[in-house]
Amino acid sequence: MAVPKKRTSKSKKNLRKNVWKKKVEKKVQRALFIAQVELKNLPETDSKTSNV
């Protein structure tokens, strides 16, 4: 027979959520840093040549 599971406490739920958010934030920061580096490495073009 199916038995309902015990409810997870708010503190435990928030702890797990914060761990997940910190992992995601770390990955986002790294991705933004890499994007900034890539943008700085792009060769600069004249505004006249970009309007084709």
PDB file of N, CA and C in Angstrom:
ATOM      1  N   MET A   1       0.832  -1.184   0.000  1.00  0.00           N
ATOM      2  CA  MET A   1       0.000   0.000   0.000  1.00  0.00           C
ATOM      3  C   MET A   1       0.882   1.254   0.000  1.00  0.00           C
ATOM      4  N   ALA A   2       0.444   2.279  -0.732  1.00  0.00           N
ATOM      5  CA  ALA A   2       1.226   3.517  -0.840  1.00  0.00           C
ATOM      6  C   ALA A   2       1.171   4.307   0.462  1.00  0.00           C
ATOM      7  N   VAL A   3       2.345   4.750   0.887  1.00  0.00           N
ATOM      8  CA  VAL A   3       2.438   5.539   2.117  1.00  0.00           C
ATOM      9  C   VAL A   3       2.989   6.914   1.750  1.00  0.00           C
ATOM     10  N   PRO A   4       2.341   7.981   2.215  1.00  0.00           N
ATOM     11  CA  PRO A   4       2.854   9.314   1.886  1.00  0.00           C
ATOM     12  C   PRO A   4       4.221   9.562   2.529  1.00  0.00           C
ATOM     13  N   LYS A   5       5.078  10.250   1.799  1.00  0.00           N
ATOM     14  CA  LYS A   5       6.412  10.552   2.313  1.00  0.00           C
ATOM     15  C   LYS A   5       6.335  11.703   3.312  1.00  0.00           C
ATOM     16  N   LYS A   6       7.357  11.773   4.167  1.00  0.00           N
ATOM     17  CA  LYS A   6       7.418  12.880   5.114  1.00  0.00           C
ATOM     18  C   LYS A   6       7.740  14.157   4.357  1.00  0.00           C
ATOM     19  N   ARG A   7       7.232  15.237   4.875  1.00  0.00           N
ATOM     20  CA  ARG A   7       7.445  16.532   4.238  1.00  0.00           C
ATOM     21  C   ARG A   7       8.856  17.044   4.533  1.00  0.00           C
ATOM     22  N   THR A   8       9.510  17.630   3.503  1.00  0.00           N
ATOM     23  CA  THR A   8      10.846  18.201   3.670  1.00  0.00           C
ATOM     24  C   THR A   8      10.705  19.563   4.347  1.00  0.00           C
ATOM     25  N   SER A   9      11.537  19.805   5.346  1.00  0.00           N
ATOM     26  CA  SER A   9      11.461  21.073   6.072  1.00  0.00           C
ATOM     27  C   SER A   9      11.871  22.237   5.169  1.00  0.00           C
ATOM     28  N   LYS A  10      11.392  23.434   5.521  1.00  0.00           N
ATOM     29  CA  LYS A  10      11.708  24.623   4.730  1.00  0.00           C
ATOM     30  C   LYS A  10      13.205  24.887   4.714  1.00  0.00           C
ATOM     31  N   SER A  11      13.846  24.704   5.862  1.00  0.00           N
ATOM     32  CA  SER A  11      15.281  24.998   5.934  1.00  0.00           C
ATOM     33  C   SER A  11      16.077  24.055   5.031  1.00  0.00           C
ATOM     34  N   LYS A  12      15.710  22.790   5.016  1.00  0.00           N
ATOM     35  CA  LYS A  12      16.414  21.825   4.164  1.00  0.00           C
ATOM     36  C   LYS A  12      16.163  22.139   2.687  1.00  0.00           C
ATOM     37  N   LYS A  13      14.919  22.506   2.376  1.00  0.00           N
ATOM     38  CA  LYS A  13      14.568  22.845   1.002  1.00  0.00           C
ATOM     39  C   LYS A  13      15.346  24.084   0.543  1.00  0.00           C
ATOM     40  N   ASN A  14      15.412  25.102   1.412  1.00  0.00           N
ATOM     41  CA  ASN A  14      16.129  26.330   1.068  1.00  0.00           C
ATOM     42  C   ASN A  14      17.623  26.085   0.931  1.00  0.00           C
ATOM     43  N   LEU A  15      18.164  25.221   1.785  1.00  0.00           N
ATOM     44  CA  LEU A  15      19.582  24.878   1.712  1.00  0.00           C
ATOM     45  C   LEU A  15      19.909  24.260   0.355  1.00  0.00           C
ATOM     46  N   ARG A  16      19.122  23.290  -0.047  1.00  0.00           N
ATOM     47  CA  ARG A  16      19.350  22.614  -1.331  1.00  0.00           C
ATOM     48  C   ARG A  16      19.208  23.586  -2.494  1.00  0.00           C
ATOM     49  N   LYS A  17      18.206  24.463  -2.392  1.00  0.00           N
ATOM     50  CA  LYS A  17      17.976  25.440  -3.450  1.00  0.00           C
ATOM     51  C   LYS A  17      19.153  26.405  -3.562  1.00  0.00           C
ATOM     52  N   ASN A  18      19.695  26.821  -2.409  1.00  0.00           N
ATOM     53  CA  ASN A  18      20.834  27.741  -2.412  1.00  0.00           C
ATOM     54  C   ASN A  18      22.081  27.090  -2.990  1.00  0.00           C
ATOM     55  N   VAL A  19      22.285  25.815  -2.704  1.00  0.00           N
ATOM     56  CA  VAL A  19      23.434  25.093  -3.268  1.00  0.00           C
ATOM     57  C   VAL A  19      23.320  25.087  -4.787  1.00  0.00           C
ATOM     58  N   TRP A  20      22.120  24.803  -5.285  1.00  0.00           N
ATOM     59  CA  TRP A  20      21.893  24.774  -6.722  1.00  0.00           C
ATOM     60  C   TRP A  20      22.128  26.158  -7.322  1.00  0.00           C
ATOM     61  N   LYS A  21      21.605  27.208  -6.664  1.00  0.00           N
ATOM     62  CA  LYS A  21      21.755  28.570  -7.175  1.00  0.00           C
ATOM     63  C   LYS A  21      23.218  28.995  -7.221  1.00  0.00           C
ATOM     64  N   LYS A  22      23.998  28.610  -6.210  1.00  0.00           N
ATOM     65  CA  LYS A  22      25.413  28.977  -6.189  1.00  0.00           C
ATOM     66  C   LYS A  22      26.167  28.300  -7.325  1.00  0.00           C
ATOM     67  N   LYS A  23      25.835  27.034  -7.606  1.00  0.00           N
ATOM     68  CA  LYS A  23      26.473  26.326  -8.714  1.00  0.00           C
ATOM     69  C   LYS A  23      26.166  27.030 -10.037  1.00  0.00           C
ATOM     70  N   VAL A  24      24.904  27.395 -10.213  1.00  0.00           N
ATOM     71  CA  VAL A  24      24.483  28.054 -11.447  1.00  0.00           C
ATOM     72  C   VAL A  24      25.150  29.422 -11.564  1.00  0.00           C
ATOM     73  N   GLU A  25      25.199  30.163 -10.458  1.00  0.00           N
ATOM     74  CA  GLU A  25      25.800  31.493 -10.475  1.00  0.00           C
ATOM     75  C   GLU A  25      27.278  31.421 -10.872  1.00  0.00           C
ATOM     76  N   LYS A  26      27.965  30.405 -10.382  1.00  0.00           N
ATOM     77  CA  LYS A  26      29.380  30.219 -10.711  1.00  0.00           C
ATOM     78  C   LYS A  26      29.550  29.980 -12.214  1.00  0.00           C
ATOM     79  N   LYS A  27      28.681  29.146 -12.787  1.00  0.00           N
ATOM     80  CA  LYS A  27      28.757  28.854 -14.218  1.00  0.00           C
ATOM     81  C   LYS A  27      28.421  30.086 -15.056  1.00  0.00           C
ATOM     82  N   VAL A  28      27.452  30.875 -14.591  1.00  0.00           N
ATOM     83  CA  VAL A  28      27.064  32.089 -15.315  1.00  0.00           C
ATOM     84  C   VAL A  28      28.208  33.092 -15.306  1.00  0.00           C
ATOM     85  N   GLN A  29      28.838  33.276 -14.151  1.00  0.00           N
ATOM     86  CA  GLN A  29      29.957  34.212 -14.048  1.00  0.00           C
ATOM     87  C   GLN A  29      31.085  33.802 -14.994  1.00  0.00           C
ATOM     88  N   ARG A  30      31.365  32.516 -15.045  1.00  0.00           N
ATOM     89  CA  ARG A  30      32.431  32.015 -15.929  1.00  0.00           C
ATOM     90  C   ARG A  30      32.071  32.259 -17.397  1.00  0.00           C
ATOM     91  N   ALA A  31      30.818  31.993 -17.754  1.00  0.00           N
ATOM     92  CA  ALA A  31      30.380  32.186 -19.137  1.00  0.00           C
ATOM     93  C   ALA A  31      30.469  33.661 -19.530  1.00  0.00           C
ATOM     94  N   LEU A  32      30.076  34.557 -18.622  1.00  0.00           N
ATOM     95  CA  LEU A  32      30.149  35.985 -18.907  1.00  0.00           C
ATOM     96  C   LEU A  32      31.595  36.440 -19.067  1.00  0.00           C
ATOM     97  N   PHE A  33      32.470  35.926 -18.224  1.00  0.00           N
ATOM     98  CA  PHE A  33      33.886  36.282 -18.309  1.00  0.00           C
ATOM     99  C   PHE A  33      34.468  35.848 -19.651  1.00  0.00           C
ATOM    100  N   ILE A  34      34.152  34.624 -20.051  1.00  0.00           N
ATOM    101  CA  ILE A  34      34.655  34.104 -21.329  1.00  0.00           C
ATOM    102  C   ILE A  34      34.106  34.936 -22.486  1.00  0.00           C
ATOM    103  N   ALA A  35      32.829  35.320 -22.407  1.00  0.00           N
ATOM    104  CA  ALA A  35      32.222  36.136 -23.459  1.00  0.00           C
ATOM    105  C   ALA A  35      32.904  37.499 -23.544  1.00  0.00           C
ATOM    106  N   GLN A  36      33.214  38.103 -22.394  1.00  0.00           N
ATOM    107  CA  GLN A  36      33.896  39.399 -22.392  1.00  0.00           C
ATOM    108  C   GLN A  36      35.276  39.282 -23.026  1.00  0.00           C
ATOM    109  N   VAL A  37      35.993  38.225 -22.706  1.00  0.00           N
ATOM    110  CA  VAL A  37      37.326  38.017 -23.275  1.00  0.00           C
ATOM    111  C   VAL A  37      37.225  37.863 -24.788  1.00  0.00           C
ATOM    112  N   GLU A  38      36.247  37.093 -25.237  1.00  0.00           N
ATOM    113  CA  GLU A  38      36.074  36.877 -26.677  1.00  0.00           C
ATOM    114  C   GLU A  38      35.730  38.183 -27.391  1.00  0.00           C
ATOM    115  N   LEU A  39      34.882  39.005 -26.760  1.00  0.00           N
ATOM    116  CA  LEU A  39      34.513  40.273 -27.382  1.00  0.00           C
ATOM    117  C   LEU A  39      35.710  41.214 -27.473  1.00  0.00           C
ATOM    118  N   LYS A  40      36.567  41.191 -26.470  1.00  0.00           N
ATOM    119  CA  LYS A  40      37.754  42.044 -26.494  1.00  0.00           C
ATOM    120  C   LYS A  40      38.730  41.584 -27.569  1.00  0.00           C
ATOM    121  N   ASN A  41      38.745  40.302 -27.876  1.00  0.00           N
ATOM    122  CA  ASN A  41      39.679  39.757 -28.862  1.00  0.00           C
ATOM    123  C   ASN A  41      39.207  39.926 -30.305  1.00  0.00           C
ATOM    124  N   LEU A  42      37.952  40.351 -30.494  1.00  0.00           N
ATOM    125  CA  LEU A  42      37.454  40.549 -31.857  1.00  0.00           C
ATOM    126  C   LEU A  42      38.184  41.723 -32.505  1.00  0.00           C
ATOM    127  N   PRO A  43      38.502  41.617 -33.782  1.00  0.00           N
ATOM    128  CA  PRO A  43      39.142  42.750 -34.462  1.00  0.00           C
ATOM    129  C   PRO A  43      38.136  43.890 -34.613  1.00  0.00           C
ATOM    130  N   GLU A  44      38.607  45.107 -34.394  1.00  0.00           N
ATOM    131  CA  GLU A  44      37.712  46.257 -34.503  1.00  0.00           C
ATOM    132  C   GLU A  44      37.469  46.555 -35.977  1.00  0.00           C
ATOM    133  N   THR A  45      36.200  46.865 -36.311  1.00  0.00           N
ATOM    134  CA  THR A  45      35.844  47.177 -37.692  1.00  0.00           C
ATOM    135  C   THR A  45      35.366  48.617 -37.763  1.00  0.00           C
ATOM    136  N   ASP A  46      35.514  49.225 -38.935  1.00  0.00           N
ATOM    137  CA  ASP A  46      35.022  50.589 -39.129  1.00  0.00           C
ATOM    138  C   ASP A  46      33.511  50.565 -39.202  1.00  0.00           C
ATOM    139  N   SER A  47      32.885  51.628 -38.713  1.00  0.00           N
ATOM    140  CA  SER A  47      31.427  51.696 -38.763  1.00  0.00           C
ATOM    141  C   SER A  47      30.946  51.845 -40.198  1.00  0.00           C
ATOM    142  N   LYS A  48      31.804  52.385 -41.093  1.00  0.00           N
ATOM    143  CA  LYS A  48      31.425  52.566 -42.494  1.00  0.00           C
ATOM    144  C   LYS A  48      31.306  51.220 -43.208  1.00  0.00           C
ATOM    145  N   THR A  49      32.188  50.287 -42.886  1.00  0.00           N
ATOM    146  CA  THR A  49      32.187  49.002 -43.583  1.00  0.00           C
ATOM    147  C   THR A  49      31.103  48.073 -43.064  1.00  0.00           C
ATOM    148  N   SER A  50      30.633  48.295 -41.838  1.00  0.00           N
ATOM    149  CA  SER A  50      29.627  47.395 -41.289  1.00  0.00           C
ATOM    150  C   SER A  50      28.236  47.689 -41.839  1.00  0.00           C
ATOM    151  N   ASN A  51      28.016  48.895 -42.377  1.00  0.00           N
ATOM    152  CA  ASN A  51      26.720  49.237 -42.964  1.00  0.00           C
ATOM    153  C   ASN A  51      26.726  48.885 -44.439  1.00  0.00           C
ATOM    154  N   VAL A  52      26.464  47.631 -44.757  1.00  0.00           N
ATOM    155  CA  VAL A  52      26.513  47.160 -46.142  1.00  0.00           C
ATOM    156  C   VAL A  52      25.160  47.274 -46.764  1.00  0.00           C
TER     157      VAL A  52
END
